[in-house]
C-alpha cells in the first residue's frame, strides 16, 4: 500500500469516527487528539477502522506512534512494508 493510500485510509477512519473533523488546512504534525478534538475512545475506534481497512493490528503500546497524521502515516507505511 502506498503512502497516499495509507494517508487516505487514515483520513477516512478519522472521518468515520469524527465526521467533519478533517478539513483542509490541518497541520499533519499536530497531535490528532488536539487537532480533531478526539478522545481515547475515538483513537481506539480509528485503530479499529484502520485494521478493517488495511488489515494492520496496532497494539496499544504503539498508540504514541500514531499521535499525529504524519507519524501515523510513517508508522503504517513501515508496517505495510514489513
PDB file of N, CA and C in Angstrom:
ATOM      1  N   UNK A   1       0.854  -1.170   0.000  1.00  0.00           N
ATOM      2  CA  UNK A   1       0.000   0.000   0.000  1.00  0.00           C
ATOM      3  C   UNK A   1       0.900   1.233   0.000  1.00  0.00           C
ATOM      4  N   UNK A   2       0.631   2.157  -0.906  1.00  0.00           N
ATOM      5  CA  UNK A   2       1.488   3.344  -0.981  1.00  0.00           C
ATOM      6  C   UNK A   2       1.077   4.402   0.051  1.00  0.00           C
ATOM      7  N   UNK A   3       1.948   5.363   0.221  1.00  0.00           N
ATOM      8  CA  UNK A   3       1.784   6.400   1.240  1.00  0.00           C
ATOM      9  C   UNK A   3       0.473   7.180   1.080  1.00  0.00           C
ATOM     10  N   UNK A   4       0.114   7.517  -0.143  1.00  0.00           N
ATOM     11  CA  UNK A   4      -1.124   8.267  -0.375  1.00  0.00           C
ATOM     12  C   UNK A   4      -2.349   7.450   0.014  1.00  0.00           C
ATOM     13  N   UNK A   5      -2.334   6.169  -0.287  1.00  0.00           N
ATOM     14  CA  UNK A   5      -3.456   5.296   0.070  1.00  0.00           C
ATOM     15  C   UNK A   5      -3.557   5.146   1.586  1.00  0.00           C
ATOM     16  N   UNK A   6      -2.415   5.044   2.250  1.00  0.00           N
ATOM     17  CA  UNK A   6      -2.395   4.949   3.716  1.00  0.00           C
ATOM     18  C   UNK A   6      -2.954   6.232   4.319  1.00  0.00           C
ATOM     19  N   UNK A   7      -2.508   7.363   3.799  1.00  0.00           N
ATOM     20  CA  UNK A   7      -2.985   8.662   4.299  1.00  0.00           C
ATOM     21  C   UNK A   7      -4.495   8.776   4.116  1.00  0.00           C
ATOM     22  N   UNK A   8      -4.990   8.368   2.962  1.00  0.00           N
ATOM     23  CA  UNK A   8      -6.426   8.447   2.711  1.00  0.00           C
ATOM     24  C   UNK A   8      -7.191   7.497   3.622  1.00  0.00           C
ATOM     25  N   UNK A   9      -6.665   6.303   3.865  1.00  0.00           N
ATOM     26  CA  UNK A   9      -7.306   5.353   4.776  1.00  0.00           C
ATOM     27  C   UNK A   9      -7.393   5.947   6.179  1.00  0.00           C
ATOM     28  N   UNK A  10      -6.340   6.622   6.600  1.00  0.00           N
ATOM     29  CA  UNK A  10      -6.320   7.251   7.915  1.00  0.00           C
ATOM     30  C   UNK A  10      -7.337   8.389   7.979  1.00  0.00           C
ATOM     31  N   UNK A  11      -7.360   9.227   6.981  1.00  0.00           N
ATOM     32  CA  UNK A  11      -8.324  10.328   6.947  1.00  0.00           C
ATOM     33  C   UNK A  11      -9.754   9.787   6.935  1.00  0.00           C
ATOM     34  N   UNK A  12      -9.997   8.733   6.162  1.00  0.00           N
ATOM     35  CA  UNK A  12     -11.325   8.123   6.130  1.00  0.00           C
ATOM     36  C   UNK A  12     -11.711   7.566   7.503  1.00  0.00           C
ATOM     37  N   UNK A  13     -10.743   6.946   8.191  1.00  0.00           N
ATOM     38  CA  UNK A  13     -11.002   6.398   9.523  1.00  0.00           C
ATOM     39  C   UNK A  13     -11.333   7.510  10.512  1.00  0.00           C
ATOM     40  N   UNK A  14     -10.598   8.609  10.442  1.00  0.00           N
ATOM     41  CA  UNK A  14     -10.890   9.750  11.320  1.00  0.00           C
ATOM     42  C   UNK A  14     -12.276  10.299  11.010  1.00  0.00           C
ATOM     43  N   UNK A  15     -12.585  10.442   9.729  1.00  0.00           N
ATOM     44  CA  UNK A  15     -13.882  10.984   9.327  1.00  0.00           C
ATOM     45  C   UNK A  15     -15.026  10.061   9.733  1.00  0.00           C
ATOM     46  N   UNK A  16     -14.764   8.769   9.755  1.00  0.00           N
ATOM     47  CA  UNK A  16     -15.771   7.799  10.187  1.00  0.00           C
ATOM     48  C   UNK A  16     -16.081   7.981  11.676  1.00  0.00           C
ATOM     49  N   UNK A  17     -15.052   8.244  12.462  1.00  0.00           N
ATOM     50  CA  UNK A  17     -15.202   8.381  13.907  1.00  0.00           C
ATOM     51  C   UNK A  17     -15.677   9.780  14.300  1.00  0.00           C
ATOM     52  N   UNK A  18     -15.160  10.784  13.610  1.00  0.00           N
ATOM     53  CA  UNK A  18     -15.498  12.178  13.917  1.00  0.00           C
ATOM     54  C   UNK A  18     -15.857  12.894  12.617  1.00  0.00           C
ATOM     55  N   UNK A  19     -17.080  12.668  12.128  1.00  0.00           N
ATOM     56  CA  UNK A  19     -17.469  13.256  10.841  1.00  0.00           C
ATOM     57  C   UNK A  19     -17.245  14.773  10.809  1.00  0.00           C
ATOM     58  N   UNK A  20     -16.606  15.205   9.735  1.00  0.00           N
ATOM     59  CA  UNK A  20     -16.361  16.628   9.549  1.00  0.00           C
ATOM     60  C   UNK A  20     -15.140  17.170  10.265  1.00  0.00           C
ATOM     61  N   UNK A  21     -14.457  16.326  11.041  1.00  0.00           N
ATOM     62  CA  UNK A  21     -13.301  16.801  11.804  1.00  0.00           C
ATOM     63  C   UNK A  21     -12.118  17.120  10.899  1.00  0.00           C
ATOM     64  N   UNK A  22     -11.964  16.346   9.844  1.00  0.00           N
ATOM     65  CA  UNK A  22     -10.831  16.533   8.943  1.00  0.00           C
ATOM     66  C   UNK A  22     -11.232  17.557   7.881  1.00  0.00           C
ATOM     67  N   UNK A  23     -10.541  18.660   7.890  1.00  0.00           N
ATOM     68  CA  UNK A  23     -10.809  19.708   6.896  1.00  0.00           C
ATOM     69  C   UNK A  23      -9.484  20.150   6.298  1.00  0.00           C
ATOM     70  N   UNK A  24      -9.537  20.740   5.145  1.00  0.00           N
ATOM     71  CA  UNK A  24      -8.315  21.255   4.527  1.00  0.00           C
ATOM     72  C   UNK A  24      -7.655  22.249   5.461  1.00  0.00           C
ATOM     73  N   UNK A  25      -6.350  22.256   5.443  1.00  0.00           N
ATOM     74  CA  UNK A  25      -5.605  23.225   6.230  1.00  0.00           C
ATOM     75  C   UNK A  25      -5.131  22.726   7.578  1.00  0.00           C
ATOM     76  N   UNK A  26      -5.373  21.456   7.912  1.00  0.00           N
ATOM     77  CA  UNK A  26      -4.874  20.954   9.190  1.00  0.00           C
ATOM     78  C   UNK A  26      -3.377  20.717   9.115  1.00  0.00           C
ATOM     79  N   UNK A  27      -2.731  20.749  10.254  1.00  0.00           N
ATOM     80  CA  UNK A  27      -1.285  20.540  10.332  1.00  0.00           C
ATOM     81  C   UNK A  27      -1.018  19.063  10.606  1.00  0.00           C
ATOM     82  N   UNK A  28      -0.387  18.344   9.672  1.00  0.00           N
ATOM     83  CA  UNK A  28      -0.162  16.908   9.849  1.00  0.00           C
ATOM     84  C   UNK A  28       0.821  16.574  10.966  1.00  0.00           C
ATOM     85  N   UNK A  29       1.520  17.580  11.500  1.00  0.00           N
ATOM     86  CA  UNK A  29       2.452  17.332  12.601  1.00  0.00           C
ATOM     87  C   UNK A  29       1.799  17.499  13.974  1.00  0.00           C
ATOM     88  N   UNK A  30       0.612  18.092  14.019  1.00  0.00           N
ATOM     89  CA  UNK A  30      -0.079  18.285  15.295  1.00  0.00           C
ATOM     90  C   UNK A  30      -0.671  16.981  15.805  1.00  0.00           C
ATOM     91  N   UNK A  31      -0.773  16.882  17.109  1.00  0.00           N
ATOM     92  CA  UNK A  31      -1.399  15.727  17.739  1.00  0.00           C
ATOM     93  C   UNK A  31      -2.848  15.629  17.269  1.00  0.00           C
ATOM     94  N   UNK A  32      -3.231  14.460  16.760  1.00  0.00           N
ATOM     95  CA  UNK A  32      -4.583  14.275  16.232  1.00  0.00           C
ATOM     96  C   UNK A  32      -5.652  14.512  17.291  1.00  0.00           C
ATOM     97  N   UNK A  33      -5.353  14.146  18.533  1.00  0.00           N
ATOM     98  CA  UNK A  33      -6.352  14.325  19.591  1.00  0.00           C
ATOM     99  C   UNK A  33      -6.705  15.794  19.752  1.00  0.00           C
ATOM    100  N   UNK A  34      -5.694  16.647  19.678  1.00  0.00           N
ATOM    101  CA  UNK A  34      -5.939  18.082  19.800  1.00  0.00           C
ATOM    102  C   UNK A  34      -6.457  18.674  18.492  1.00  0.00           C
ATOM    103  N   UNK A  35      -5.870  18.261  17.380  1.00  0.00           N
ATOM    104  CA  UNK A  35      -6.231  18.814  16.077  1.00  0.00           C
ATOM    105  C   UNK A  35      -7.699  18.547  15.729  1.00  0.00           C
ATOM    106  N   UNK A  36      -8.180  17.328  16.054  1.00  0.00           N
ATOM    107  CA  UNK A  36      -9.535  16.936  15.676  1.00  0.00           C
ATOM    108  C   UNK A  36     -10.460  16.741  16.870  1.00  0.00           C
ATOM    109  N   UNK A  37     -10.007  17.142  18.068  1.00  0.00           N
ATOM    110  CA  UNK A  37     -10.793  17.034  19.301  1.00  0.00           C
ATOM    111  C   UNK A  37     -11.256  15.597  19.530  1.00  0.00           C
ATOM    112  N   UNK A  38     -10.283  14.667  19.536  1.00  0.00           N
ATOM    113  CA  UNK A  38     -10.565  13.247  19.714  1.00  0.00           C
ATOM    114  C   UNK A  38     -10.239  12.825  21.140  1.00  0.00           C
ATOM    115  N   UNK A  39     -11.016  11.887  21.670  1.00  0.00           N
ATOM    116  CA  UNK A  39     -10.690  11.329  22.976  1.00  0.00           C
ATOM    117  C   UNK A  39     -10.102   9.925  22.783  1.00  0.00           C
ATOM    118  N   UNK A  40      -9.776   9.257  23.876  1.00  0.00           N
ATOM    119  CA  UNK A  40      -9.111   7.954  23.777  1.00  0.00           C
ATOM    120  C   UNK A  40     -10.004   6.910  23.100  1.00  0.00           C
ATOM    121  N   UNK A  41     -11.294   6.981  23.307  1.00  0.00           N
ATOM    122  CA  UNK A  41     -12.201   6.041  22.651  1.00  0.00           C
ATOM    123  C   UNK A  41     -12.224   6.300  21.143  1.00  0.00           C
ATOM    124  N   UNK A  42     -12.173   7.556  20.740  1.00  0.00           N
ATOM    125  CA  UNK A  42     -12.102   7.886  19.315  1.00  0.00           C
ATOM    126  C   UNK A  42     -10.852   7.279  18.691  1.00  0.00           C
ATOM    127  N   UNK A  43      -9.721   7.384  19.392  1.00  0.00           N
ATOM    128  CA  UNK A  43      -8.465   6.829  18.876  1.00  0.00           C
ATOM    129  C   UNK A  43      -8.596   5.313  18.700  1.00  0.00           C
ATOM    130  N   UNK A  44      -9.187   4.649  19.683  1.00  0.00           N
ATOM    131  CA  UNK A  44      -9.378   3.197  19.564  1.00  0.00           C
ATOM    132  C   UNK A  44     -10.301   2.860  18.398  1.00  0.00           C
ATOM    133  N   UNK A  45     -11.311   3.655  18.177  1.00  0.00           N
ATOM    134  CA  UNK A  45     -12.206   3.426  17.034  1.00  0.00           C
ATOM    135  C   UNK A  45     -11.484   3.660  15.713  1.00  0.00           C
ATOM    136  N   UNK A  46     -10.577   4.617  15.670  1.00  0.00           N
ATOM    137  CA  UNK A  46      -9.768   4.858  14.474  1.00  0.00           C
ATOM    138  C   UNK A  46      -8.859   3.656  14.217  1.00  0.00           C
ATOM    139  N   UNK A  47      -8.249   3.147  15.275  1.00  0.00           N
ATOM    140  CA  UNK A  47      -7.380   1.969  15.154  1.00  0.00           C
ATOM    141  C   UNK A  47      -8.179   0.783  14.613  1.00  0.00           C
ATOM    142  N   UNK A  48      -9.386   0.601  15.111  1.00  0.00           N
ATOM    143  CA  UNK A  48     -10.252  -0.488  14.638  1.00  0.00           C
ATOM    144  C   UNK A  48     -10.601  -0.295  13.161  1.00  0.00           C
ATOM    145  N   UNK A  49     -10.958   0.923  12.792  1.00  0.00           N
ATOM    146  CA  UNK A  49     -11.298   1.215  11.395  1.00  0.00           C
ATOM    147  C   UNK A  49     -10.098   0.980  10.484  1.00  0.00           C
ATOM    148  N   UNK A  50      -8.905   1.362  10.944  1.00  0.00           N
ATOM    149  CA  UNK A  50      -7.696   1.126  10.148  1.00  0.00           C
ATOM    150  C   UNK A  50      -7.439  -0.372   9.979  1.00  0.00           C
ATOM    151  N   UNK A  51      -7.643  -1.113  11.046  1.00  0.00           N
ATOM    152  CA  UNK A  51      -7.460  -2.567  10.962  1.00  0.00           C
ATOM    153  C   UNK A  51      -8.407  -3.164   9.924  1.00  0.00           C
ATOM    154  N   UNK A  52      -9.654  -2.730   9.957  1.00  0.00           N
ATOM    155  CA  UNK A  52     -10.632  -3.242   8.996  1.00  0.00           C
ATOM    156  C   UNK A  52     -10.282  -2.842   7.568  1.00  0.00           C
ATOM    157  N   UNK A  53      -9.747  -1.648   7.405  1.00  0.00           N
ATOM    158  CA  UNK A  53      -9.461  -1.128   6.055  1.00  0.00           C
ATOM    159  C   UNK A  53      -8.152  -1.667   5.481  1.00  0.00           C
ATOM    160  N   UNK A  54      -7.089  -1.698   6.310  1.00  0.00           N
ATOM    161  CA  UNK A  54      -5.794  -2.101   5.754  1.00  0.00           C
ATOM    162  C   UNK A  54      -5.212  -3.360   6.398  1.00  0.00           C
ATOM    163  N   UNK A  55      -5.916  -3.909   7.390  1.00  0.00           N
ATOM    164  CA  UNK A  55      -5.520  -5.194   7.953  1.00  0.00           C
ATOM    165  C   UNK A  55      -4.303  -5.172   8.855  1.00  0.00           C
ATOM    166  N   UNK A  56      -4.005  -4.040   9.449  1.00  0.00           N
ATOM    167  CA  UNK A  56      -2.845  -3.941  10.329  1.00  0.00           C
ATOM    168  C   UNK A  56      -3.314  -3.794  11.770  1.00  0.00           C
ATOM    169  N   UNK A  57      -2.773  -4.651  12.637  1.00  0.00           N
ATOM    170  CA  UNK A  57      -3.033  -4.512  14.066  1.00  0.00           C
ATOM    171  C   UNK A  57      -2.106  -3.449  14.629  1.00  0.00           C
ATOM    172  N   UNK A  58      -2.648  -2.572  15.420  1.00  0.00           N
ATOM    173  CA  UNK A  58      -1.849  -1.547  16.083  1.00  0.00           C
ATOM    174  C   UNK A  58      -1.977  -1.809  17.575  1.00  0.00           C
ATOM    175  N   UNK A  59      -0.923  -2.351  18.186  1.00  0.00           N
ATOM    176  CA  UNK A  59      -1.001  -2.643  19.615  1.00  0.00           C
ATOM    177  C   UNK A  59      -1.085  -1.352  20.438  1.00  0.00           C
ATOM    178  N   UNK A  60      -1.689  -1.473  21.599  1.00  0.00           N
ATOM    179  CA  UNK A  60      -1.840  -0.308  22.476  1.00  0.00           C
ATOM    180  C   UNK A  60      -0.494   0.343  22.776  1.00  0.00           C
ATOM    181  N   UNK A  61       0.549  -0.452  22.854  1.00  0.00           N
ATOM    182  CA  UNK A  61       1.883   0.084  23.138  1.00  0.00           C
ATOM    183  C   UNK A  61       2.409   0.973  22.015  1.00  0.00           C
ATOM    184  N   UNK A  62       1.815   0.881  20.823  1.00  0.00           N
ATOM    185  CA  UNK A  62       2.245   1.691  19.677  1.00  0.00           C
ATOM    186  C   UNK A  62       1.354   2.904  19.419  1.00  0.00           C
ATOM    187  N   UNK A  63       0.383   3.150  20.272  1.00  0.00           N
ATOM    188  CA  UNK A  63      -0.542   4.255  20.024  1.00  0.00           C
ATOM    189  C   UNK A  63       0.167   5.604  19.936  1.00  0.00           C
ATOM    190  N   UNK A  64       1.278   5.757  20.645  1.00  0.00           N
ATOM    191  CA  UNK A  64       2.023   7.015  20.528  1.00  0.00           C
ATOM    192  C   UNK A  64       2.621   7.193  19.133  1.00  0.00           C
ATOM    193  N   UNK A  65       2.761   6.090  18.389  1.00  0.00           N
ATOM    194  CA  UNK A  65       3.288   6.147  17.021  1.00  0.00           C
ATOM    195  C   UNK A  65       2.282   6.726  16.031  1.00  0.00           C
ATOM    196  N   UNK A  66       1.019   6.815  16.441  1.00  0.00           N
ATOM    197  CA  UNK A  66       0.005   7.367  15.549  1.00  0.00           C
ATOM    198  C   UNK A  66      -0.577   8.659  16.122  1.00  0.00           C
ATOM    199  N   UNK A  67       0.209   9.374  16.907  1.00  0.00           N
ATOM    200  CA  UNK A  67      -0.272  10.598  17.561  1.00  0.00           C
ATOM    201  C   UNK A  67      -0.629  11.692  16.561  1.00  0.00           C
ATOM    202  N   UNK A  68       0.166  11.831  15.523  1.00  0.00           N
ATOM    203  CA  UNK A  68      -0.117  12.850  14.503  1.00  0.00           C
ATOM    204  C   UNK A  68      -0.355  12.149  13.168  1.00  0.00           C
ATOM    205  N   UNK A  69      -0.949  12.859  12.242  1.00  0.00           N
ATOM    206  CA  UNK A  69      -1.174  12.267  10.927  1.00  0.00           C
ATOM    207  C   UNK A  69       0.132  11.845  10.279  1.00  0.00           C
ATOM    208  N   UNK A  70       1.137  12.693  10.349  1.00  0.00           N
ATOM    209  CA  UNK A  70       2.423  12.374   9.724  1.00  0.00           C
ATOM    210  C   UNK A  70       3.047  11.135  10.364  1.00  0.00           C
ATOM    211  N   UNK A  71       3.080  11.106  11.699  1.00  0.00           N
ATOM    212  CA  UNK A  71       3.658   9.953  12.392  1.00  0.00           C
ATOM    213  C   UNK A  71       2.862   8.688  12.107  1.00  0.00           C
ATOM    214  N   UNK A  72       1.536   8.820  12.038  1.00  0.00           N
ATOM    215  CA  UNK A  72       0.690   7.659  11.771  1.00  0.00           C
ATOM    216  C   UNK A  72       0.954   7.098  10.376  1.00  0.00           C
ATOM    217  N   UNK A  73       1.051   7.975   9.396  1.00  0.00           N
ATOM    218  CA  UNK A  73       1.312   7.512   8.026  1.00  0.00           C
ATOM    219  C   UNK A  73       2.692   6.857   7.965  1.00  0.00           C
ATOM    220  N   UNK A  74       3.690   7.468   8.597  1.00  0.00           N
ATOM    221  CA  UNK A  74       5.036   6.871   8.626  1.00  0.00           C
ATOM    222  C   UNK A  74       4.999   5.477   9.255  1.00  0.00           C
ATOM    223  N   UNK A  75       4.333   5.377  10.390  1.00  0.00           N
ATOM    224  CA  UNK A  75       4.227   4.107  11.114  1.00  0.00           C
ATOM    225  C   UNK A  75       3.513   3.056  10.266  1.00  0.00           C
ATOM    226  N   UNK A  76       2.366   3.416   9.715  1.00  0.00           N
ATOM    227  CA  UNK A  76       1.587   2.465   8.921  1.00  0.00           C
ATOM    228  C   UNK A  76       2.319   2.059   7.643  1.00  0.00           C
ATOM    229  N   UNK A  77       3.052   2.983   7.069  1.00  0.00           N
ATOM    230  CA  UNK A  77       3.835   2.657   5.872  1.00  0.00           C
ATOM    231  C   UNK A  77       4.909   1.616   6.214  1.00  0.00           C
ATOM    232  N   UNK A  78       5.584   1.808   7.331  1.00  0.00           N
ATOM    233  CA  UNK A  78       6.586   0.820   7.770  1.00  0.00           C
ATOM    234  C   UNK A  78       5.934  -0.531   8.011  1.00  0.00           C
ATOM    235  N   UNK A  79       4.768  -0.530   8.648  1.00  0.00           N
ATOM    236  CA  UNK A  79       4.080  -1.779   8.986  1.00  0.00           C
ATOM    237  C   UNK A  79       3.579  -2.504   7.735  1.00  0.00           C
ATOM    238  N   UNK A  80       3.164  -1.779   6.704  1.00  0.00           N
ATOM    239  CA  UNK A  80       2.679  -2.444   5.500  1.00  0.00           C
ATOM    240  C   UNK A  80       3.828  -2.998   4.668  1.00  0.00           C
ATOM    241  N   UNK A  81       5.015  -2.460   4.854  1.00  0.00           N
ATOM    242  CA  UNK A  81       6.173  -2.930   4.092  1.00  0.00           C
ATOM    243  C   UNK A  81       6.888  -4.072   4.781  1.00  0.00           C
ATOM    244  N   UNK A  82       6.649  -4.227   6.063  1.00  0.00           N
ATOM    245  CA  UNK A  82       7.383  -5.227   6.831  1.00  0.00           C
ATOM    246  C   UNK A  82       6.596  -6.435   7.033  1.00  0.00           C
TER     247      UNK A  82
END
